[in-house]
Amino acid sequence: MTAEALIETRGVTRRFGGFTALKDVSVGIRPGVLTSIMSVNRVFNHFGHRFVWDHATFAEYLAQIGFVDIVRAEFGDALVDDLTVYPEYAVIFRADPRAPRKQETYRYDEDGFGSPSTSGTRDPQLPPVDLAAVDMAKVAGLVAGAATSLGLSEIDTIYAIIRSTETGPEVSVHANNELGESGHLSANPDGTFRAVYPFDPGS
């Protein structure tokens, strides 16, 4: 590192599960130089050495690491009642194997699956979603393009839900911001749109 650097970091490695985002990265910030260190959907903030995740990153991460195979390895199948994907983690809702009318919840983040918790009851007659039939890359694309699809000037809160419904598996994306704008959309497991409900400035 140059001695002129006002701020510097050395040997930074950052992993998200099995995905290595940075490996042994060293950076120096010199005085008078406007510096931004970015990659697709990630921003490295040298103040405190942390990552600021954008709204598509974790959905993309799940697609990149083969999340369906991870679920199958963990549970023996890829069946879920609901998979909700937030910007930094995901939550799976599955039938309790000991009681089909009860539901268990599992959080998944960069450290893997957490311990299960009971989330309530479920309809055992409603077939679960097989995540193997869901195009996770297309789900990530729906999340990444939500601001445009929903007519939002910016996004502060967003999440995607993959769930079983009476008409079959459905993907939905919900987003809003602090300006009072909000919207949501629904899609098929292959990423094709079912319906879009964009922000209406006149409402």
C-alpha atoms as a PDB file:
ATOM      1  CA  MET A   1       0.000   0.000   0.000  1.00  0.00           C
ATOM      2  CA  THR A   2       1.153   3.522  -0.702  1.00  0.00           C
ATOM      3  CA  ALA A   3       2.036   5.679   2.286  1.00  0.00           C
ATOM      4  CA  GLU A   4      -0.214   8.397   0.872  1.00  0.00           C
ATOM      5  CA  ALA A   5      -3.397   6.392   1.466  1.00  0.00           C
ATOM      6  CA  LEU A   6      -5.852   8.029   3.872  1.00  0.00           C
ATOM      7  CA  ILE A   7      -7.964   4.886   4.155  1.00  0.00           C
ATOM      8  CA  GLU A   8      -6.807   1.391   3.363  1.00  0.00           C
ATOM      9  CA  THR A   9      -7.862  -2.197   3.794  1.00  0.00           C
ATOM     10  CA  ARG A  10      -5.682  -5.255   3.448  1.00  0.00           C
ATOM     11  CA  GLY A  11      -6.394  -8.876   2.589  1.00  0.00           C
ATOM     12  CA  VAL A  12     -10.195  -8.693   2.692  1.00  0.00           C
ATOM     13  CA  THR A  13     -12.005 -11.947   1.906  1.00  0.00           C
ATOM     14  CA  ARG A  14     -15.800 -12.095   1.966  1.00  0.00           C
ATOM     15  CA  ARG A  15     -17.849 -15.231   1.397  1.00  0.00           C
ATOM     16  CA  PHE A  16     -21.598 -15.774   1.174  1.00  0.00           C
ATOM     17  CA  GLY A  17     -22.159 -19.460   1.768  1.00  0.00           C
ATOM     18  CA  GLY A  18     -20.204 -21.229  -0.962  1.00  0.00           C
ATOM     19  CA  PHE A  19     -19.781 -18.063  -3.065  1.00  0.00           C
ATOM     20  CA  THR A  20     -16.585 -16.001  -2.673  1.00  0.00           C
ATOM     21  CA  ALA A  21     -17.342 -12.350  -3.466  1.00  0.00           C
ATOM     22  CA  LEU A  22     -13.880 -11.019  -2.556  1.00  0.00           C
ATOM     23  CA  LYS A  23     -10.612 -12.876  -2.047  1.00  0.00           C
ATOM     24  CA  ASP A  24      -7.553 -11.251  -0.477  1.00  0.00           C
ATOM     25  CA  VAL A  25      -8.413  -7.753  -1.730  1.00  0.00           C
ATOM     26  CA  SER A  26      -6.332  -4.763  -0.639  1.00  0.00           C
ATOM     27  CA  VAL A  27      -7.400  -1.184  -1.393  1.00  0.00           C
ATOM     28  CA  GLY A  28      -5.936   2.226  -0.628  1.00  0.00           C
ATOM     29  CA  ILE A  29      -7.841   5.531  -0.898  1.00  0.00           C
ATOM     30  CA  ARG A  30      -5.608   8.508  -1.713  1.00  0.00           C
ATOM     31  CA  PRO A  31      -6.454  12.135  -0.808  1.00  0.00           C
ATOM     32  CA  GLY A  32      -8.263  14.101  -3.487  1.00  0.00           C
ATOM     33  CA  VAL A  33      -9.431  11.021  -5.379  1.00  0.00           C
ATOM     34  CA  LEU A  34     -13.141  10.172  -5.631  1.00  0.00           C
ATOM     35  CA  THR A  35     -13.276   6.396  -5.264  1.00  0.00           C
ATOM     36  CA  SER A  36     -16.090   3.897  -5.623  1.00  0.00           C
ATOM     37  CA  ILE A  37     -15.523   0.147  -5.455  1.00  0.00           C
ATOM     38  CA  MET A  38     -18.408  -1.736  -7.003  1.00  0.00           C
ATOM     39  CA  SER A  39     -19.364  -5.007  -8.614  1.00  0.00           C
ATOM     40  CA  VAL A  40     -22.708  -6.105  -9.979  1.00  0.00           C
ATOM     41  CA  ASN A  41     -25.301  -5.690  -7.219  1.00  0.00           C
ATOM     42  CA  ARG A  42     -22.709  -5.146  -4.482  1.00  0.00           C
ATOM     43  CA  VAL A  43     -21.132  -2.039  -2.989  1.00  0.00           C
ATOM     44  CA  PHE A  44     -18.111  -2.236  -0.681  1.00  0.00           C
ATOM     45  CA  ASN A  45     -18.237   0.411   2.006  1.00  0.00           C
ATOM     46  CA  HIS A  46     -14.710   1.028   3.299  1.00  0.00           C
ATOM     47  CA  PHE A  47     -16.061   2.783   6.398  1.00  0.00           C
ATOM     48  CA  GLY A  48     -16.380  -0.148   8.783  1.00  0.00           C
ATOM     49  CA  HIS A  49     -15.497  -2.682   6.056  1.00  0.00           C
ATOM     50  CA  ARG A  50     -18.970  -3.965   5.390  1.00  0.00           C
ATOM     51  CA  PHE A  51     -21.134  -4.839   2.427  1.00  0.00           C
ATOM     52  CA  VAL A  52     -24.320  -3.019   1.537  1.00  0.00           C
ATOM     53  CA  TRP A  53     -26.536  -5.540  -0.220  1.00  0.00           C
ATOM     54  CA  ASP A  54     -28.880  -4.270  -2.890  1.00  0.00           C
ATOM     55  CA  HIS A  55     -32.333  -5.713  -3.434  1.00  0.00           C
ATOM     56  CA  ALA A  56     -31.451  -8.384  -6.002  1.00  0.00           C
ATOM     57  CA  THR A  57     -28.284  -9.786  -4.495  1.00  0.00           C
ATOM     58  CA  PHE A  58     -29.578 -12.582  -2.293  1.00  0.00           C
ATOM     59  CA  ALA A  59     -32.030 -13.802  -4.916  1.00  0.00           C
ATOM     60  CA  GLU A  60     -29.155 -13.909  -7.397  1.00  0.00           C
ATOM     61  CA  TYR A  61     -26.980 -15.612  -4.812  1.00  0.00           C
ATOM     62  CA  LEU A  62     -29.554 -18.381  -4.350  1.00  0.00           C
ATOM     63  CA  ALA A  63     -29.621 -18.944  -8.102  1.00  0.00           C
ATOM     64  CA  GLN A  64     -25.821 -18.979  -8.349  1.00  0.00           C
ATOM     65  CA  ILE A  65     -25.211 -21.517  -5.592  1.00  0.00           C
ATOM     66  CA  GLY A  66     -27.852 -24.002  -6.718  1.00  0.00           C
ATOM     67  CA  PHE A  67     -30.204 -23.389  -3.807  1.00  0.00           C
ATOM     68  CA  VAL A  68     -32.621 -26.100  -4.934  1.00  0.00           C
ATOM     69  CA  ASP A  69     -29.904 -28.737  -4.535  1.00  0.00           C
ATOM     70  CA  ILE A  70     -29.035 -27.335  -1.108  1.00  0.00           C
ATOM     71  CA  VAL A  71     -32.666 -27.626   0.001  1.00  0.00           C
ATOM     72  CA  ARG A  72     -32.866 -31.175  -1.338  1.00  0.00           C
ATOM     73  CA  ALA A  73     -29.639 -32.136   0.473  1.00  0.00           C
ATOM     74  CA  GLU A  74     -30.940 -30.651   3.722  1.00  0.00           C
ATOM     75  CA  PHE A  75     -34.466 -32.102   3.694  1.00  0.00           C
ATOM     76  CA  GLY A  76     -34.431 -34.986   1.222  1.00  0.00           C
ATOM     77  CA  ASP A  77     -36.649 -33.108  -1.258  1.00  0.00           C
ATOM     78  CA  ALA A  78     -37.193 -29.567  -2.549  1.00  0.00           C
ATOM     79  CA  LEU A  79     -40.846 -29.240  -1.507  1.00  0.00           C
ATOM     80  CA  VAL A  80     -41.938 -26.044   0.263  1.00  0.00           C
ATOM     81  CA  ASP A  81     -45.205 -24.376   1.150  1.00  0.00           C
ATOM     82  CA  ASP A  82     -43.522 -20.996   0.842  1.00  0.00           C
ATOM     83  CA  LEU A  83     -40.079 -19.582   0.114  1.00  0.00           C
ATOM     84  CA  THR A  84     -39.767 -15.886   0.920  1.00  0.00           C
ATOM     85  CA  VAL A  85     -36.592 -14.151  -0.251  1.00  0.00           C
ATOM     86  CA  TYR A  86     -35.473 -10.929   1.423  1.00  0.00           C
ATOM     87  CA  PRO A  87     -32.425  -8.830   0.451  1.00  0.00           C
ATOM     88  CA  GLU A  88     -30.116 -10.612   2.931  1.00  0.00           C
ATOM     89  CA  TYR A  89     -31.747 -13.956   3.732  1.00  0.00           C
ATOM     90  CA  ALA A  90     -34.550 -16.349   2.831  1.00  0.00           C
ATOM     91  CA  VAL A  91     -37.208 -18.155   4.863  1.00  0.00           C
ATOM     92  CA  ILE A  92     -38.606 -21.583   3.994  1.00  0.00           C
ATOM     93  CA  PHE A  93     -41.970 -22.834   5.241  1.00  0.00           C
ATOM     94  CA  ARG A  94     -42.344 -26.636   5.138  1.00  0.00           C
ATOM     95  CA  ALA A  95     -44.719 -29.219   6.487  1.00  0.00           C
ATOM     96  CA  ASP A  96     -43.723 -30.573   9.870  1.00  0.00           C
ATOM     97  CA  PRO A  97     -42.836 -34.216   9.098  1.00  0.00           C
ATOM     98  CA  ARG A  98     -44.305 -35.248  12.453  1.00  0.00           C
ATOM     99  CA  ALA A  99     -47.627 -33.444  11.918  1.00  0.00           C
ATOM    100  CA  PRO A 100     -48.716 -32.615   8.333  1.00  0.00           C
ATOM    101  CA  ARG A 101     -51.139 -29.920   9.520  1.00  0.00           C
ATOM    102  CA  LYS A 102     -48.328 -27.992  11.185  1.00  0.00           C
ATOM    103  CA  GLN A 103     -45.689 -25.889   9.504  1.00  0.00           C
ATOM    104  CA  GLU A 104     -42.014 -25.398  10.304  1.00  0.00           C
ATOM    105  CA  THR A 105     -39.939 -22.351   9.381  1.00  0.00           C
ATOM    106  CA  TYR A 106     -36.255 -22.351   8.464  1.00  0.00           C
ATOM    107  CA  ARG A 107     -34.134 -19.263   7.876  1.00  0.00           C
ATOM    108  CA  TYR A 108     -31.341 -19.522   5.315  1.00  0.00           C
ATOM    109  CA  ASP A 109     -28.508 -16.992   5.092  1.00  0.00           C
ATOM    110  CA  GLU A 110     -24.807 -16.943   4.239  1.00  0.00           C
ATOM    111  CA  ASP A 111     -24.166 -19.322   7.161  1.00  0.00           C
ATOM    112  CA  GLY A 112     -26.686 -21.915   5.962  1.00  0.00           C
ATOM    113  CA  PHE A 113     -29.921 -23.108   7.540  1.00  0.00           C
ATOM    114  CA  GLY A 114     -30.902 -22.148  11.062  1.00  0.00           C
ATOM    115  CA  SER A 115     -32.836 -24.251  13.531  1.00  0.00           C
ATOM    116  CA  PRO A 116     -36.526 -24.812  12.754  1.00  0.00           C
ATOM    117  CA  SER A 117     -39.328 -22.964  14.482  1.00  0.00           C
ATOM    118  CA  THR A 118     -43.063 -23.644  14.437  1.00  0.00           C
ATOM    119  CA  SER A 119     -44.957 -21.069  12.382  1.00  0.00           C
ATOM    120  CA  GLY A 120     -48.544 -22.294  12.645  1.00  0.00           C
ATOM    121  CA  THR A 121     -50.929 -24.533  10.739  1.00  0.00           C
ATOM    122  CA  ARG A 122     -51.153 -25.398   7.056  1.00  0.00           C
ATOM    123  CA  ASP A 123     -53.674 -26.921   4.668  1.00  0.00           C
ATOM    124  CA  PRO A 124     -52.441 -30.472   3.998  1.00  0.00           C
ATOM    125  CA  GLN A 125     -54.680 -30.644   0.915  1.00  0.00           C
ATOM    126  CA  LEU A 126     -52.772 -27.800  -0.774  1.00  0.00           C
ATOM    127  CA  PRO A 127     -49.841 -29.353  -2.657  1.00  0.00           C
ATOM    128  CA  PRO A 128     -46.423 -27.887  -1.878  1.00  0.00           C
ATOM    129  CA  VAL A 129     -44.216 -26.194  -4.460  1.00  0.00           C
ATOM    130  CA  ASP A 130     -41.358 -28.220  -5.896  1.00  0.00           C
ATOM    131  CA  LEU A 131     -38.530 -25.694  -6.136  1.00  0.00           C
ATOM    132  CA  ALA A 132     -36.984 -27.844  -8.870  1.00  0.00           C
ATOM    133  CA  ALA A 133     -39.763 -26.531 -11.128  1.00  0.00           C
ATOM    134  CA  VAL A 134     -38.953 -22.883 -10.322  1.00  0.00           C
ATOM    135  CA  ASP A 135     -36.443 -20.927 -12.407  1.00  0.00           C
ATOM    136  CA  MET A 136     -34.535 -19.195  -9.605  1.00  0.00           C
ATOM    137  CA  ALA A 137     -32.543 -17.089 -12.076  1.00  0.00           C
ATOM    138  CA  LYS A 138     -35.814 -15.726 -13.491  1.00  0.00           C
ATOM    139  CA  VAL A 139     -37.038 -14.997  -9.947  1.00  0.00           C
ATOM    140  CA  ALA A 140     -33.833 -13.028  -9.375  1.00  0.00           C
ATOM    141  CA  GLY A 141     -34.540 -11.149 -12.602  1.00  0.00           C
ATOM    142  CA  LEU A 142     -38.046 -10.251 -11.433  1.00  0.00           C
ATOM    143  CA  VAL A 143     -36.580  -8.849  -8.223  1.00  0.00           C
ATOM    144  CA  ALA A 144     -33.817  -6.970 -10.045  1.00  0.00           C
ATOM    145  CA  GLY A 145     -36.300  -5.368 -12.454  1.00  0.00           C
ATOM    146  CA  ALA A 146     -38.983  -4.590  -9.876  1.00  0.00           C
ATOM    147  CA  ALA A 147     -38.407  -0.833  -9.828  1.00  0.00           C
ATOM    148  CA  THR A 148     -39.049  -0.627 -13.572  1.00  0.00           C
ATOM    149  CA  SER A 149     -41.893  -3.153 -13.625  1.00  0.00           C
ATOM    150  CA  LEU A 150     -43.702  -1.454 -10.733  1.00  0.00           C
ATOM    151  CA  GLY A 151     -42.991   2.152 -11.708  1.00  0.00           C
ATOM    152  CA  LEU A 152     -41.114   2.981  -8.510  1.00  0.00           C
ATOM    153  CA  SER A 153     -38.577   5.800  -8.394  1.00  0.00           C
ATOM    154  CA  GLU A 154     -36.556   3.862  -5.826  1.00  0.00           C
ATOM    155  CA  ILE A 155     -36.921   0.792  -3.612  1.00  0.00           C
ATOM    156  CA  ASP A 156     -36.434   0.701   0.154  1.00  0.00           C
ATOM    157  CA  THR A 157     -38.196  -2.582   0.943  1.00  0.00           C
ATOM    158  CA  ILE A 158     -38.599  -5.615  -1.302  1.00  0.00           C
ATOM    159  CA  TYR A 159     -39.239  -9.319  -0.998  1.00  0.00           C
ATOM    160  CA  ALA A 160     -40.215 -12.197  -3.275  1.00  0.00           C
ATOM    161  CA  ILE A 161     -42.528 -15.073  -2.368  1.00  0.00           C
ATOM    162  CA  ILE A 162     -42.690 -18.477  -4.033  1.00  0.00           C
ATOM    163  CA  ARG A 163     -45.742 -20.302  -2.742  1.00  0.00           C
ATOM    164  CA  SER A 164     -48.435 -22.827  -3.421  1.00  0.00           C
ATOM    165  CA  THR A 165     -51.885 -21.501  -4.302  1.00  0.00           C
ATOM    166  CA  GLU A 166     -55.172 -23.079  -5.348  1.00  0.00           C
ATOM    167  CA  THR A 167     -54.268 -22.290  -8.970  1.00  0.00           C
ATOM    168  CA  GLY A 168     -50.764 -23.737  -8.712  1.00  0.00           C
ATOM    169  CA  PRO A 169     -47.295 -22.409  -7.825  1.00  0.00           C
ATOM    170  CA  GLU A 170     -46.944 -18.638  -7.907  1.00  0.00           C
ATOM    171  CA  VAL A 171     -44.107 -16.137  -7.632  1.00  0.00           C
ATOM    172  CA  SER A 172     -44.892 -12.669  -6.317  1.00  0.00           C
ATOM    173  CA  VAL A 173     -42.692  -9.632  -5.757  1.00  0.00           C
ATOM    174  CA  HIS A 174     -43.672  -6.793  -3.409  1.00  0.00           C
ATOM    175  CA  ALA A 175     -41.810  -3.494  -3.141  1.00  0.00           C
ATOM    176  CA  ASN A 176     -42.234  -0.023  -1.659  1.00  0.00           C
ATOM    177  CA  ASN A 177     -40.239   3.022  -0.644  1.00  0.00           C
ATOM    178  CA  GLU A 178     -40.262   5.859   1.868  1.00  0.00           C
ATOM    179  CA  LEU A 179     -41.915   8.147  -0.683  1.00  0.00           C
ATOM    180  CA  GLY A 180     -45.145   6.197  -0.306  1.00  0.00           C
ATOM    181  CA  GLU A 181     -44.811   4.384  -3.607  1.00  0.00           C
ATOM    182  CA  SER A 182     -45.622   0.680  -3.694  1.00  0.00           C
ATOM    183  CA  GLY A 183     -46.540  -2.074  -6.103  1.00  0.00           C
ATOM    184  CA  HIS A 184     -46.510  -5.807  -6.601  1.00  0.00           C
ATOM    185  CA  LEU A 185     -46.541  -8.382  -9.358  1.00  0.00           C
ATOM    186  CA  SER A 186     -47.229 -12.068  -9.776  1.00  0.00           C
ATOM    187  CA  ALA A 187     -45.565 -14.519 -12.124  1.00  0.00           C
ATOM    188  CA  ASN A 188     -45.369 -18.176 -13.044  1.00  0.00           C
ATOM    189  CA  PRO A 189     -42.498 -20.400 -11.870  1.00  0.00           C
ATOM    190  CA  ASP A 190     -40.779 -19.894 -15.257  1.00  0.00           C
ATOM    191  CA  GLY A 191     -40.701 -16.124 -14.680  1.00  0.00           C
ATOM    192  CA  THR A 192     -43.467 -15.149 -17.113  1.00  0.00           C
ATOM    193  CA  PHE A 193     -45.784 -12.461 -15.782  1.00  0.00           C
ATOM    194  CA  ARG A 194     -49.290 -13.222 -14.579  1.00  0.00           C
ATOM    195  CA  ALA A 195     -50.232  -9.728 -13.435  1.00  0.00           C
ATOM    196  CA  VAL A 196     -48.512  -6.443 -12.597  1.00  0.00           C
ATOM    197  CA  TYR A 197     -49.899  -3.871 -10.161  1.00  0.00           C
ATOM    198  CA  PRO A 198     -47.631  -0.834 -10.500  1.00  0.00           C
ATOM    199  CA  PHE A 199     -47.625   2.283  -8.368  1.00  0.00           C
ATOM    200  CA  ASP A 200     -50.463   4.607  -9.328  1.00  0.00           C
ATOM    201  CA  PRO A 201     -49.507   8.262  -8.654  1.00  0.00           C
ATOM    202  CA  GLY A 202     -53.178   9.250  -8.891  1.00  0.00           C
ATOM    203  CA  SER A 203     -54.484   6.883  -6.282  1.00  0.00           C
END
